[in-house]
């Protein structure tokens, strides 16, 4: 179960997200559902189409239950397999 405390070690695909801070001011506020994830990118289905956005240059807001949590992209810029704990 995903919680605010353990979100960085879970799967992000299927979660809704919003960019709260970025080195590119034009994408702040961009939101949608994550449909794919690589080591350095999220692919997001937005109202304006599918966008691929770098993880490390942005802060990402996720809603877990009734709480919002903001995660710095640099902390999750790993392969999903490595971040989730598949590699020991």
Protein backbone atom coordinates (compact mmCIF):
# COMPACT_ATOMS: atom_id res chain seq x y z
CA UNK A 1 0.00 0.00 0.00
CA UNK A 2 1.35 3.41 -0.99
CA UNK A 3 1.62 5.95 1.81
CA UNK A 4 3.13 9.41 2.11
CA UNK A 5 6.09 7.89 3.97
CA UNK A 6 6.96 5.15 1.45
CA UNK A 7 5.95 6.66 -1.90
CA UNK A 8 9.54 6.84 -3.21
CA UNK A 9 9.87 3.05 -3.07
CA UNK A 10 6.65 2.27 -4.98
CA UNK A 11 5.44 2.14 -8.56
CA UNK A 12 4.42 5.53 -10.00
CA UNK A 13 2.63 4.28 -13.12
CA UNK A 14 -1.09 4.96 -12.74
CA UNK A 15 -0.69 7.80 -10.23
CA UNK A 16 -1.88 11.33 -10.90
CA UNK A 17 0.84 13.95 -10.59
CA UNK A 18 1.49 17.66 -10.96
CA UNK A 19 4.74 19.53 -11.46
CA UNK A 20 5.10 22.06 -8.63
CA UNK A 21 8.63 23.35 -9.30
CA UNK A 22 10.82 23.11 -12.39
CA UNK A 23 13.86 24.53 -14.11
CA UNK A 24 11.44 25.08 -17.03
CA UNK A 25 8.78 27.54 -15.83
CA UNK A 26 6.51 26.66 -18.77
CA UNK A 27 5.71 23.22 -17.37
CA UNK A 28 4.96 24.22 -13.76
CA UNK A 29 1.37 23.18 -13.13
CA UNK A 30 1.39 20.47 -15.81
CA UNK A 31 -0.62 17.55 -14.50
CA UNK A 32 -1.92 14.18 -15.57
CA UNK A 33 -1.60 10.45 -15.07
CA UNK A 34 1.77 8.71 -15.30
CA UNK A 35 1.60 6.05 -18.02
CA UNK A 36 5.25 5.06 -18.22
CA UNK A 37 8.48 5.51 -16.32
CA UNK A 38 12.16 5.12 -17.16
CA UNK A 39 15.30 5.92 -15.17
CA UNK A 40 15.13 9.62 -15.96
CA UNK A 41 11.66 10.30 -17.42
CA UNK A 42 7.96 10.14 -16.66
CA UNK A 43 5.52 9.83 -19.55
CA UNK A 44 2.34 11.64 -18.56
CA UNK A 45 -1.09 11.58 -20.19
CA UNK A 46 -2.26 15.22 -19.93
CA UNK A 47 -5.25 17.15 -21.27
CA UNK A 48 -2.94 18.40 -24.02
CA UNK A 49 -1.63 14.98 -25.01
CA UNK A 50 1.17 12.67 -23.93
CA UNK A 51 4.28 14.39 -22.57
CA UNK A 52 7.67 12.98 -21.58
CA UNK A 53 9.18 14.99 -18.73
CA UNK A 54 12.56 14.61 -17.02
CA UNK A 55 12.27 13.52 -13.39
CA UNK A 56 15.35 15.17 -11.91
CA UNK A 57 14.68 18.76 -12.99
CA UNK A 58 11.25 18.94 -11.35
CA UNK A 59 9.36 18.56 -8.09
CA UNK A 60 6.35 16.25 -8.35
CA UNK A 61 3.15 16.40 -6.32
CA UNK A 62 1.21 13.18 -5.71
CA UNK A 63 -2.10 12.80 -3.88
CA UNK A 64 -2.19 9.79 -1.58
CA UNK A 65 -5.59 9.42 0.00
CA UNK A 66 -6.45 12.85 1.34
CA UNK A 67 -2.82 13.98 1.63
CA UNK A 68 -0.54 15.62 -0.92
CA UNK A 69 3.16 14.84 -0.97
CA UNK A 70 5.84 16.64 -3.00
CA UNK A 71 8.86 14.61 -4.07
CA UNK A 72 12.05 16.10 -5.51
CA UNK A 73 12.75 14.43 -8.83
CA UNK A 74 16.42 13.87 -8.09
CA UNK A 75 15.38 11.49 -5.28
CA UNK A 76 13.42 9.25 -7.67
CA UNK A 77 15.68 9.47 -10.73
CA UNK A 78 16.46 5.75 -10.76
CA UNK A 79 15.22 2.79 -12.72
CA UNK A 80 11.89 1.67 -11.24
CA UNK A 81 13.33 -1.81 -10.66
CA UNK A 82 16.19 -0.39 -8.57
CA UNK A 83 14.05 2.10 -6.66
CA UNK A 84 11.34 -0.43 -5.75
CA UNK A 85 13.94 -2.84 -4.40
CA UNK A 86 14.21 -5.52 -7.04
CA UNK A 87 17.99 -5.19 -7.10
CA UNK A 88 19.72 -6.28 -3.90
